[in-house]
Amino acid sequence: MKKFKDAFCGLKFSWTHRSIVIQFLLAGCIFAAGLLLKFTPGEWLAVTAMCALVIASEIFNTCIEMICDKICPDYDETIGKIKDLSAAGVLVCALFALLSALIIVLF
């Protein structure tokens, strides 16, 4: 039970980070569009999975950035590359989510 409590505390804390809030807001817009476009159950499954993937990757990215900042508060080239790679992971997830949305809407 404590693990769930900790996880919900982490989720609550995630709302203090602008990039994560933006991802949640975009997911809300996508769900609103799904209601308007009357997504099928399969489309809802794909959209929900993609939104969860993007939000989770943004949470992991934020964790990596926080760890890097704690370990090395000053600029470090290697830390910079680690942060860039982490952000690239979010970008890849977001681009595939966008591609999935376009496939659903256009086909």
C-alpha atoms as a PDB file:
ATOM      1  CA  MET A   1       0.000   0.000   0.000  1.00  0.00           C
ATOM      2  CA  LYS A   2       2.891   2.372   0.765  1.00  0.00           C
ATOM      3  CA  LYS A   3       4.195   1.948  -2.793  1.00  0.00           C
ATOM      4  CA  PHE A   4       0.875   3.223  -4.178  1.00  0.00           C
ATOM      5  CA  LYS A   5       0.923   6.157  -1.766  1.00  0.00           C
ATOM      6  CA  ASP A   6       4.465   7.019  -2.843  1.00  0.00           C
ATOM      7  CA  ALA A   7       3.504   6.754  -6.509  1.00  0.00           C
ATOM      8  CA  PHE A   8       0.531   9.072  -6.036  1.00  0.00           C
ATOM      9  CA  CYS A   9       2.760  11.533  -4.168  1.00  0.00           C
ATOM     10  CA  GLY A  10       5.108  11.460  -7.155  1.00  0.00           C
ATOM     11  CA  LEU A  11       2.201  12.046  -9.521  1.00  0.00           C
ATOM     12  CA  LYS A  12       1.053  14.984  -7.407  1.00  0.00           C
ATOM     13  CA  PHE A  13       4.608  16.381  -7.382  1.00  0.00           C
ATOM     14  CA  SER A  14       4.805  16.016 -11.165  1.00  0.00           C
ATOM     15  CA  TRP A  15       2.160  18.737 -11.470  1.00  0.00           C
ATOM     16  CA  THR A  16       4.753  21.239 -10.205  1.00  0.00           C
ATOM     17  CA  HIS A  17       6.750  20.836 -13.428  1.00  0.00           C
ATOM     18  CA  ARG A  18       5.593  22.876 -16.402  1.00  0.00           C
ATOM     19  CA  SER A  19       6.638  20.379 -19.083  1.00  0.00           C
ATOM     20  CA  ILE A  20       4.634  17.599 -17.431  1.00  0.00           C
ATOM     21  CA  VAL A  21       1.576  19.834 -16.999  1.00  0.00           C
ATOM     22  CA  ILE A  22       1.792  20.735 -20.691  1.00  0.00           C
ATOM     23  CA  GLN A  23       1.784  17.023 -21.605  1.00  0.00           C
ATOM     24  CA  PHE A  24      -1.291  16.442 -19.422  1.00  0.00           C
ATOM     25  CA  LEU A  25      -3.057  19.417 -21.030  1.00  0.00           C
ATOM     26  CA  LEU A  26      -2.220  18.158 -24.526  1.00  0.00           C
ATOM     27  CA  ALA A  27      -3.583  14.741 -23.582  1.00  0.00           C
ATOM     28  CA  GLY A  28      -6.787  16.434 -22.437  1.00  0.00           C
ATOM     29  CA  CYS A  29      -7.069  18.171 -25.817  1.00  0.00           C
ATOM     30  CA  ILE A  30      -6.525  14.873 -27.589  1.00  0.00           C
ATOM     31  CA  PHE A  31      -9.246  13.205 -25.506  1.00  0.00           C
ATOM     32  CA  ALA A  32     -11.617  16.078 -26.305  1.00  0.00           C
ATOM     33  CA  ALA A  33     -10.853  15.640 -30.010  1.00  0.00           C
ATOM     34  CA  GLY A  34     -11.522  11.924 -29.638  1.00  0.00           C
ATOM     35  CA  LEU A  35     -14.958  12.650 -28.252  1.00  0.00           C
ATOM     36  CA  LEU A  36     -15.713  15.008 -31.128  1.00  0.00           C
ATOM     37  CA  LEU A  37     -14.412  12.591 -33.746  1.00  0.00           C
ATOM     38  CA  LYS A  38     -16.105   9.591 -32.096  1.00  0.00           C
ATOM     39  CA  PHE A  39     -13.034   7.380 -31.846  1.00  0.00           C
ATOM     40  CA  THR A  40     -13.588   3.636 -31.986  1.00  0.00           C
ATOM     41  CA  PRO A  41     -12.536   1.519 -28.989  1.00  0.00           C
ATOM     42  CA  GLY A  42      -9.344   0.549 -30.831  1.00  0.00           C
ATOM     43  CA  GLU A  43      -8.543   4.184 -31.545  1.00  0.00           C
ATOM     44  CA  TRP A  44      -9.156   5.075 -27.893  1.00  0.00           C
ATOM     45  CA  LEU A  45      -6.793   2.301 -26.867  1.00  0.00           C
ATOM     46  CA  ALA A  46      -4.052   3.603 -29.172  1.00  0.00           C
ATOM     47  CA  VAL A  47      -4.543   7.235 -28.135  1.00  0.00           C
ATOM     48  CA  THR A  48      -4.585   6.392 -24.434  1.00  0.00           C
ATOM     49  CA  ALA A  49      -1.440   4.272 -24.756  1.00  0.00           C
ATOM     50  CA  MET A  50       0.377   7.007 -26.676  1.00  0.00           C
ATOM     51  CA  CYS A  51      -0.628   9.702 -24.174  1.00  0.00           C
ATOM     52  CA  ALA A  52       0.501   7.524 -21.270  1.00  0.00           C
ATOM     53  CA  LEU A  53       3.805   6.840 -23.020  1.00  0.00           C
ATOM     54  CA  VAL A  54       4.496  10.531 -23.641  1.00  0.00           C
ATOM     55  CA  ILE A  55       3.530  11.601 -20.103  1.00  0.00           C
ATOM     56  CA  ALA A  56       5.567   8.804 -18.507  1.00  0.00           C
ATOM     57  CA  SER A  57       8.582   9.641 -20.673  1.00  0.00           C
ATOM     58  CA  GLU A  58       8.285  13.300 -19.651  1.00  0.00           C
ATOM     59  CA  ILE A  59       8.191  12.262 -15.990  1.00  0.00           C
ATOM     60  CA  PHE A  60      11.306  10.099 -16.478  1.00  0.00           C
ATOM     61  CA  ASN A  61      13.012  12.956 -18.331  1.00  0.00           C
ATOM     62  CA  THR A  62      12.278  15.308 -15.449  1.00  0.00           C
ATOM     63  CA  CYS A  63      13.704  12.765 -13.001  1.00  0.00           C
ATOM     64  CA  ILE A  64      16.891  12.442 -15.025  1.00  0.00           C
ATOM     65  CA  GLU A  65      17.248  16.232 -15.207  1.00  0.00           C
ATOM     66  CA  MET A  66      16.735  16.570 -11.449  1.00  0.00           C
ATOM     67  CA  ILE A  67      19.323  13.867 -10.719  1.00  0.00           C
ATOM     68  CA  CYS A  68      21.811  15.492 -13.085  1.00  0.00           C
ATOM     69  CA  ASP A  69      21.265  18.914 -11.491  1.00  0.00           C
ATOM     70  CA  LYS A  70      21.750  17.448  -8.021  1.00  0.00           C
ATOM     71  CA  ILE A  71      24.938  15.589  -8.971  1.00  0.00           C
ATOM     72  CA  CYS A  72      26.456  18.431 -10.946  1.00  0.00           C
ATOM     73  CA  PRO A  73      24.890  21.878 -10.374  1.00  0.00           C
ATOM     74  CA  ASP A  74      27.452  23.559 -12.637  1.00  0.00           C
ATOM     75  CA  TYR A  75      27.515  23.125 -16.390  1.00  0.00           C
ATOM     76  CA  ASP A  76      29.116  19.878 -17.486  1.00  0.00           C
ATOM     77  CA  GLU A  77      29.329  18.741 -21.102  1.00  0.00           C
ATOM     78  CA  THR A  78      28.572  15.092 -20.302  1.00  0.00           C
ATOM     79  CA  ILE A  79      25.603  16.027 -18.093  1.00  0.00           C
ATOM     80  CA  GLY A  80      24.374  18.236 -20.924  1.00  0.00           C
ATOM     81  CA  LYS A  81      24.510  15.302 -23.334  1.00  0.00           C
ATOM     82  CA  ILE A  82      22.659  13.089 -20.829  1.00  0.00           C
ATOM     83  CA  LYS A  83      19.908  15.698 -20.528  1.00  0.00           C
ATOM     84  CA  ASP A  84      19.741  16.088 -24.309  1.00  0.00           C
ATOM     85  CA  LEU A  85      19.401  12.327 -24.765  1.00  0.00           C
ATOM     86  CA  SER A  86      16.659  12.190 -22.159  1.00  0.00           C
ATOM     87  CA  ALA A  87      14.796  15.017 -23.890  1.00  0.00           C
ATOM     88  CA  ALA A  88      15.279  13.229 -27.219  1.00  0.00           C
ATOM     89  CA  GLY A  89      13.514  10.206 -25.739  1.00  0.00           C
ATOM     90  CA  VAL A  90      10.481  12.362 -24.986  1.00  0.00           C
ATOM     91  CA  LEU A  91      10.623  13.834 -28.477  1.00  0.00           C
ATOM     92  CA  VAL A  92      10.672  10.377 -30.082  1.00  0.00           C
ATOM     93  CA  CYS A  93       7.649   9.303 -28.016  1.00  0.00           C
ATOM     94  CA  ALA A  94       5.813  12.530 -28.856  1.00  0.00           C
ATOM     95  CA  LEU A  95       6.545  12.233 -32.587  1.00  0.00           C
ATOM     96  CA  PHE A  96       5.280   8.654 -32.705  1.00  0.00           C
ATOM     97  CA  ALA A  97       2.201   9.725 -30.741  1.00  0.00           C
ATOM     98  CA  LEU A  98       1.603  12.460 -33.309  1.00  0.00           C
ATOM     99  CA  LEU A  99       2.093   9.989 -36.152  1.00  0.00           C
ATOM    100  CA  SER A 100      -0.391   7.614 -34.507  1.00  0.00           C
ATOM    101  CA  ALA A 101      -2.913  10.441 -34.141  1.00  0.00           C
ATOM    102  CA  LEU A 102      -2.505  11.430 -37.785  1.00  0.00           C
ATOM    103  CA  ILE A 103      -3.040   7.835 -38.897  1.00  0.00           C
ATOM    104  CA  ILE A 104      -6.215   7.624 -36.799  1.00  0.00           C
ATOM    105  CA  VAL A 105      -7.605  10.937 -38.046  1.00  0.00           C
ATOM    106  CA  LEU A 106      -6.613  10.671 -41.706  1.00  0.00           C
ATOM    107  CA  PHE A 107      -7.333   7.002 -42.353  1.00  0.00           C
END
